[in-house]
C-alpha atoms as a PDB file:
ATOM      1  CA  ALA A   1      42.498  52.720 -18.914  1.00  0.00           C
ATOM      2  CA  LEU A   2      39.306  49.736 -20.432  1.00  0.00           C
ATOM      3  CA  ALA A   3      38.364  50.406 -23.651  1.00  0.00           C
ATOM      4  CA  VAL A   4      34.417  49.778 -23.529  1.00  0.00           C
ATOM      5  CA  ALA A   5      32.759  49.264 -27.430  1.00  0.00           C
ATOM      6  CA  GLU A   6      29.910  51.157 -27.833  1.00  0.00           C
ATOM      7  CA  ARG A   7      26.791  49.638 -29.103  1.00  0.00           C
ATOM      8  CA  PRO A   8      23.068  51.703 -30.717  1.00  0.00           C
ATOM      9  CA  VAL A   9      20.688  51.153 -27.689  1.00  0.00           C
ATOM     10  CA  GLN A  10      17.310  49.917 -30.014  1.00  0.00           C
ATOM     11  CA  LEU A  11      14.124  50.911 -28.885  1.00  0.00           C
ATOM     12  CA  PHE A  12      11.424  48.423 -29.123  1.00  0.00           C
ATOM     13  CA  LEU A  13       8.082  49.822 -31.286  1.00  0.00           C
ATOM     14  CA  PRO A  14       5.587  47.262 -31.838  1.00  0.00           C
ATOM     15  CA  THR A  15       4.417  46.811 -35.631  1.00  0.00           C
ATOM     16  CA  ASP A  16       1.059  46.694 -37.061  1.00  0.00           C
ATOM     17  CA  ARG A  17       1.120  43.068 -36.042  1.00  0.00           C
ATOM     18  CA  GLU A  18       2.350  43.268 -32.114  1.00  0.00           C
ATOM     19  CA  GLN A  19       0.106  45.113 -29.833  1.00  0.00           C
ATOM     20  CA  ILE A  20       1.116  46.129 -26.437  1.00  0.00           C
ATOM     21  CA  ILE A  21      -0.738  44.366 -23.887  1.00  0.00           C
ATOM     22  CA  SER A  22      -2.196  46.859 -21.308  1.00  0.00           C
ATOM     23  CA  PRO A  23      -1.123  46.140 -17.623  1.00  0.00           C
ATOM     24  CA  GLY A  24      -4.531  45.348 -16.115  1.00  0.00           C
ATOM     25  CA  LEU A  25      -5.030  42.518 -18.747  1.00  0.00           C
ATOM     26  CA  MET A  26      -1.209  41.198 -18.118  1.00  0.00           C
ATOM     27  CA  MET A  27      -2.699  40.842 -13.751  1.00  0.00           C
ATOM     28  CA  ARG A  28      -5.757  39.113 -15.426  1.00  0.00           C
ATOM     29  CA  MET A  29      -3.463  37.028 -17.371  1.00  0.00           C
ATOM     30  CA  ILE A  30      -1.418  36.162 -14.442  1.00  0.00           C
ATOM     31  CA  ARG A  31      -4.298  35.651 -12.177  1.00  0.00           C
ATOM     32  CA  THR A  32      -5.868  33.443 -14.557  1.00  0.00           C
ATOM     33  CA  LEU A  33      -2.639  31.089 -14.644  1.00  0.00           C
ATOM     34  CA  GLU A  34      -2.178  31.012 -10.900  1.00  0.00           C
ATOM     35  CA  PHE A  35      -5.839  29.999 -10.309  1.00  0.00           C
ATOM     36  CA  THR A  36      -5.312  27.304 -12.920  1.00  0.00           C
ATOM     37  CA  ALA A  37      -2.120  26.057 -11.521  1.00  0.00           C
ATOM     38  CA  LEU A  38      -3.658  25.890  -8.362  1.00  0.00           C
ATOM     39  CA  CYS A  39      -6.579  23.820  -9.502  1.00  0.00           C
ATOM     40  CA  ALA A  40      -4.367  21.544 -11.287  1.00  0.00           C
ATOM     41  CA  ALA A  41      -2.397  21.093  -8.067  1.00  0.00           C
ATOM     42  CA  PHE A  42      -5.416  20.543  -6.064  1.00  0.00           C
ATOM     43  CA  MET A  43      -7.165  18.047  -7.893  1.00  0.00           C
ATOM     44  CA  LEU A  44      -3.636  16.250  -8.295  1.00  0.00           C
ATOM     45  CA  ALA A  45      -3.443  16.055  -4.435  1.00  0.00           C
ATOM     46  CA  LEU A  46      -6.888  14.835  -4.316  1.00  0.00           C
ATOM     47  CA  THR A  47      -6.432  11.824  -6.577  1.00  0.00           C
ATOM     48  CA  ILE A  48      -2.891  10.763  -4.511  1.00  0.00           C
ATOM     49  CA  SER A  49      -5.039  11.120  -1.363  1.00  0.00           C
ATOM     50  CA  SER A  50      -8.071   9.316  -2.379  1.00  0.00           C
ATOM     51  CA  CYS A  51      -5.421   6.284  -3.932  1.00  0.00           C
ATOM     52  CA  THR A  52      -3.466   6.077  -0.917  1.00  0.00           C
ATOM     53  CA  SER A  53      -5.859   6.822   1.418  1.00  0.00           C
ATOM     54  CA  HIS A  54      -8.205   3.286   1.534  1.00  0.00           C
ATOM     55  CA  MET A  55      -5.283   1.097   2.643  1.00  0.00           C
ATOM     56  CA  LYS A  56      -4.299   2.139   6.016  1.00  0.00           C
ATOM     57  CA  TYR A  57      -1.677  -0.612   7.643  1.00  0.00           C
ATOM     58  CA  VAL A  58       0.017  -2.754   5.556  1.00  0.00           C
ATOM     59  CA  GLU A  59       2.898  -5.305   6.913  1.00  0.00           C
ATOM     60  CA  ARG A  60       4.511  -8.372   5.495  1.00  0.00           C
ATOM     61  CA  TYR A  61       7.393 -11.136   5.874  1.00  0.00           C
ATOM     62  CA  LYS A  62       9.093 -11.996   3.168  1.00  0.00           C
ATOM     63  CA  PHE A  63      11.000 -15.342   3.593  1.00  0.00           C
ATOM     64  CA  SER A  64      14.607 -16.571   2.782  1.00  0.00           C
ATOM     65  CA  GLU A  65      15.215 -17.596  -0.675  1.00  0.00           C
ATOM     66  CA  ASP A  66      14.846 -21.457   0.550  1.00  0.00           C
ATOM     67  CA  TYR A  67      11.490 -20.459   0.796  1.00  0.00           C
ATOM     68  CA  ILE A  68      10.817 -23.292   3.604  1.00  0.00           C
ATOM     69  CA  TRP A  69       8.493 -22.011   6.615  1.00  0.00           C
ATOM     70  CA  LYS A  70       9.727 -24.637   9.663  1.00  0.00           C
ATOM     71  CA  ALA A  71       7.140 -25.487  12.069  1.00  0.00           C
ATOM     72  CA  GLU A  72       8.799 -23.547  15.178  1.00  0.00           C
ATOM     73  CA  ASP A  73       8.913 -20.607  13.684  1.00  0.00           C
ATOM     74  CA  THR A  74       6.951 -17.852  14.497  1.00  0.00           C
ATOM     75  CA  ILE A  75       6.288 -14.649  12.424  1.00  0.00           C
ATOM     76  CA  GLU A  76       5.868 -11.452  14.283  1.00  0.00           C
ATOM     77  CA  LEU A  77       4.405  -8.409  12.598  1.00  0.00           C
ATOM     78  CA  VAL A  78       3.095  -5.432  14.501  1.00  0.00           C
ATOM     79  CA  MET A  79       0.780  -2.895  13.675  1.00  0.00           C
ATOM     80  CA  ASP A  80       0.566   0.460  15.446  1.00  0.00           C
ATOM     81  CA  ILE A  81      -3.242   1.529  15.190  1.00  0.00           C
ATOM     82  CA  ARG A  82      -3.509   5.678  15.321  1.00  0.00           C
ATOM     83  CA  ASP A  83      -6.980   5.543  14.104  1.00  0.00           C
ATOM     84  CA  ASN A  84      -9.621   3.649  15.421  1.00  0.00           C
ATOM     85  CA  LYS A  85     -12.595   5.690  14.610  1.00  0.00           C
ATOM     86  CA  ALA A  86     -14.154   2.972  12.217  1.00  0.00           C
ATOM     87  CA  PRO A  87     -13.768  -0.471  11.231  1.00  0.00           C
ATOM     88  CA  TYR A  88     -11.172  -2.183   8.942  1.00  0.00           C
ATOM     89  CA  LEU A  89     -11.233  -4.677   6.736  1.00  0.00           C
ATOM     90  CA  PHE A  90      -8.554  -7.391   7.625  1.00  0.00           C
ATOM     91  CA  GLU A  91      -7.021  -9.397   5.261  1.00  0.00           C
ATOM     92  CA  LEU A  92      -4.434 -12.172   5.687  1.00  0.00           C
ATOM     93  CA  THR A  93      -1.953 -12.631   2.630  1.00  0.00           C
ATOM     94  CA  PHE A  94      -0.038 -15.354   1.205  1.00  0.00           C
ATOM     95  CA  ARG A  95       2.466 -16.176  -1.498  1.00  0.00           C
ATOM     96  CA  CYS A  96       3.481 -18.685  -2.363  1.00  0.00           C
ATOM     97  CA  ALA A  97       5.225 -20.966  -5.434  1.00  0.00           C
ATOM     98  CA  SER A  98       2.727 -22.341  -7.948  1.00  0.00           C
ATOM     99  CA  GLY A  99       4.279 -25.959  -7.418  1.00  0.00           C
ATOM    100  CA  PHE A 100       2.949 -25.134  -3.361  1.00  0.00           C
ATOM    101  CA  PRO A 101       2.182 -29.374  -2.647  1.00  0.00           C
ATOM    102  CA  TYR A 102      -0.649 -28.681  -0.247  1.00  0.00           C
ATOM    103  CA  GLU A 103      -4.164 -28.082  -0.878  1.00  0.00           C
ATOM    104  CA  ARG A 104      -4.400 -25.603   1.926  1.00  0.00           C
ATOM    105  CA  MET A 105      -2.323 -23.814   4.202  1.00  0.00           C
ATOM    106  CA  LEU A 106      -3.341 -24.414   7.574  1.00  0.00           C
ATOM    107  CA  LEU A 107      -2.220 -21.240  10.114  1.00  0.00           C
ATOM    108  CA  ARG A 108      -2.832 -20.155  13.613  1.00  0.00           C
ATOM    109  CA  VAL A 109      -2.761 -15.904  14.221  1.00  0.00           C
ATOM    110  CA  GLU A 110      -2.565 -14.557  17.722  1.00  0.00           C
ATOM    111  CA  GLU A 111      -3.311 -11.122  18.513  1.00  0.00           C
ATOM    112  CA  ILE A 112      -1.535  -9.202  21.550  1.00  0.00           C
ATOM    113  CA  SER A 113      -3.663  -5.675  22.191  1.00  0.00           C
ATOM    114  CA  PRO A 114      -1.843  -2.940  23.819  1.00  0.00           C
ATOM    115  CA  ASP A 115      -2.598  -3.654  27.064  1.00  0.00           C
ATOM    116  CA  ASN A 116      -1.446  -7.449  26.779  1.00  0.00           C
ATOM    117  CA  ARG A 117      -5.044  -8.868  26.063  1.00  0.00           C
ATOM    118  CA  SER A 118      -4.388 -12.045  23.674  1.00  0.00           C
ATOM    119  CA  ALA A 119      -6.960 -13.384  21.050  1.00  0.00           C
ATOM    120  CA  ARG A 120      -6.147 -16.613  18.648  1.00  0.00           C
ATOM    121  CA  ARG A 121      -7.347 -17.980  15.797  1.00  0.00           C
ATOM    122  CA  ASP A 122      -7.012 -20.626  13.232  1.00  0.00           C
ATOM    123  CA  VAL A 123      -6.703 -19.428   9.400  1.00  0.00           C
ATOM    124  CA  GLU A 124      -7.196 -22.121   6.627  1.00  0.00           C
ATOM    125  CA  ILE A 125      -6.279 -20.586   3.389  1.00  0.00           C
ATOM    126  CA  LEU A 126      -7.017 -22.721   0.232  1.00  0.00           C
ATOM    127  CA  VAL A 127      -4.479 -22.776  -2.318  1.00  0.00           C
ATOM    128  CA  ARG A 128      -5.774 -25.214  -4.882  1.00  0.00           C
ATOM    129  CA  ASN A 129      -9.175 -26.064  -5.932  1.00  0.00           C
ATOM    130  CA  PRO A 130     -10.470 -29.966  -5.875  1.00  0.00           C
ATOM    131  CA  ASP A 131      -9.557 -30.611  -9.286  1.00  0.00           C
ATOM    132  CA  GLY A 132      -5.961 -29.504  -8.961  1.00  0.00           C
ATOM    133  CA  SER A 133      -6.110 -25.885 -10.292  1.00  0.00           C
ATOM    134  CA  LEU A 134      -4.891 -22.645  -8.669  1.00  0.00           C
ATOM    135  CA  ASN A 135      -6.793 -20.330  -6.597  1.00  0.00           C
ATOM    136  CA  GLY A 136      -5.449 -16.151  -6.100  1.00  0.00           C
ATOM    137  CA  GLU A 137      -3.879 -14.236  -8.394  1.00  0.00           C
ATOM    138  CA  LYS A 138      -1.265 -15.795 -10.887  1.00  0.00           C
ATOM    139  CA  GLY A 139       1.646 -14.385 -12.162  1.00  0.00           C
ATOM    140  CA  PHE A 140       4.318 -16.541 -13.642  1.00  0.00           C
ATOM    141  CA  ASP A 141       5.191 -19.254 -10.568  1.00  0.00           C
ATOM    142  CA  ILE A 142       3.970 -17.093  -7.909  1.00  0.00           C
ATOM    143  CA  ILE A 143       0.345 -17.511  -6.049  1.00  0.00           C
ATOM    144  CA  ASP A 144      -1.262 -14.543  -4.322  1.00  0.00           C
ATOM    145  CA  LEU A 145      -3.634 -15.251  -2.138  1.00  0.00           C
ATOM    146  CA  THR A 146      -5.875 -12.748   0.483  1.00  0.00           C
ATOM    147  CA  THR A 147      -8.094 -14.358   2.897  1.00  0.00           C
ATOM    148  CA  THR A 148     -10.556 -11.862   4.889  1.00  0.00           C
ATOM    149  CA  LEU A 149     -10.120 -12.450   8.464  1.00  0.00           C
ATOM    150  CA  THR A 150     -13.415 -10.211   9.342  1.00  0.00           C
ATOM    151  CA  ASP A 151     -14.624  -7.331   7.543  1.00  0.00           C
ATOM    152  CA  LYS A 152     -15.424  -5.465  10.772  1.00  0.00           C
ATOM    153  CA  LYS A 153     -12.243  -4.887  12.777  1.00  0.00           C
ATOM    154  CA  GLU A 154     -12.578  -3.029  15.382  1.00  0.00           C
ATOM    155  CA  TYR A 155      -9.490  -1.421  17.856  1.00  0.00           C
ATOM    156  CA  PRO A 156     -10.409  -0.355  20.693  1.00  0.00           C
ATOM    157  CA  LEU A 157      -7.120   1.045  21.840  1.00  0.00           C
ATOM    158  CA  HIS A 158      -4.349   3.126  20.249  1.00  0.00           C
ATOM    159  CA  GLY A 159      -0.778   1.538  19.922  1.00  0.00           C
ATOM    160  CA  ALA A 160       1.199  -1.268  19.205  1.00  0.00           C
ATOM    161  CA  TYR A 161      -1.051  -4.695  18.423  1.00  0.00           C
ATOM    162  CA  TYR A 162       1.705  -7.590  17.887  1.00  0.00           C
ATOM    163  CA  TYR A 163       0.172 -10.650  15.321  1.00  0.00           C
ATOM    164  CA  ARG A 164       1.947 -13.921  15.800  1.00  0.00           C
ATOM    165  CA  ILE A 165       1.662 -16.685  12.927  1.00  0.00           C
ATOM    166  CA  TYR A 166       2.775 -19.626  12.505  1.00  0.00           C
ATOM    167  CA  PRO A 167       2.321 -22.917  10.741  1.00  0.00           C
ATOM    168  CA  ALA A 168      -0.463 -25.019  12.280  1.00  0.00           C
ATOM    169  CA  MET A 169       0.578 -28.117   9.276  1.00  0.00           C
ATOM    170  CA  GLY A 170       1.236 -30.740  11.372  1.00  0.00           C
ATOM    171  CA  ILE A 171       4.488 -31.247   9.792  1.00  0.00           C
ATOM    172  CA  GLU A 172       8.114 -29.790  10.420  1.00  0.00           C
ATOM    173  CA  GLU A 173       8.421 -27.777   7.039  1.00  0.00           C
ATOM    174  CA  VAL A 174       6.368 -25.768   4.639  1.00  0.00           C
ATOM    175  CA  PRO A 175       8.216 -25.961   1.427  1.00  0.00           C
ATOM    176  CA  LEU A 176       7.399 -22.922  -0.955  1.00  0.00           C
ATOM    177  CA  VAL A 177       5.995 -20.427   1.089  1.00  0.00           C
ATOM    178  CA  MET A 178       7.297 -16.825  -0.191  1.00  0.00           C
ATOM    179  CA  GLU A 179       5.650 -13.844   1.859  1.00  0.00           C
ATOM    180  CA  VAL A 180       2.934 -13.950   4.510  1.00  0.00           C
ATOM    181  CA  GLY A 181       0.882 -10.634   5.716  1.00  0.00           C
ATOM    182  CA  LEU A 182      -1.381  -8.234   7.226  1.00  0.00           C
ATOM    183  CA  GLN A 183      -3.728  -5.742   5.812  1.00  0.00           C
ATOM    184  CA  LEU A 184      -6.364  -3.344   7.149  1.00  0.00           C
ATOM    185  CA  SER A 185      -8.341  -1.144   5.021  1.00  0.00           C
ATOM    186  CA  ARG A 186     -10.918   1.161   5.569  1.00  0.00           C
ATOM    187  CA  GLN A 187     -14.599   0.039   4.371  1.00  0.00           C
ATOM    188  CA  GLU A 188     -16.300   2.014   1.589  1.00  0.00           C
END
């Protein structure tokens, strides 16, 4: 046989300082808390979406640790355009080391649309001013430069747009290049 210890049952009776909350008041408090939590969740979602909705597409190519871009090396980036209702701000990003030896970086950018139409443009990125100072955002020994290709880029078709980027410096190797990229963002 199993022995069960019996404990006396205590009844809770409110004292003068404690009050019993009526079921109606309890339900109002729960609804208020639920509404407050819902509002907080909505505000958080709105904040997150407003911070990320402006930048639509970003593609980057990072060079290997030798940071040399050879003349025969072509970078290919793909932008899969799904939203073409409004124009984009279209920018090229370029990251190099602060010891980059040239005043300018010359690039050729070729765009191939989903229907195989091709367009090419030459891009000049001013890395150094005539006095030798560096342009762009500086961080330790890294320089980040952004060049606007067009402020109203329109994509007539949905689909994959291929971008081929290659150096147009007229030399065999361009040293201290770390990253090249493209980014599209909505106009405000």
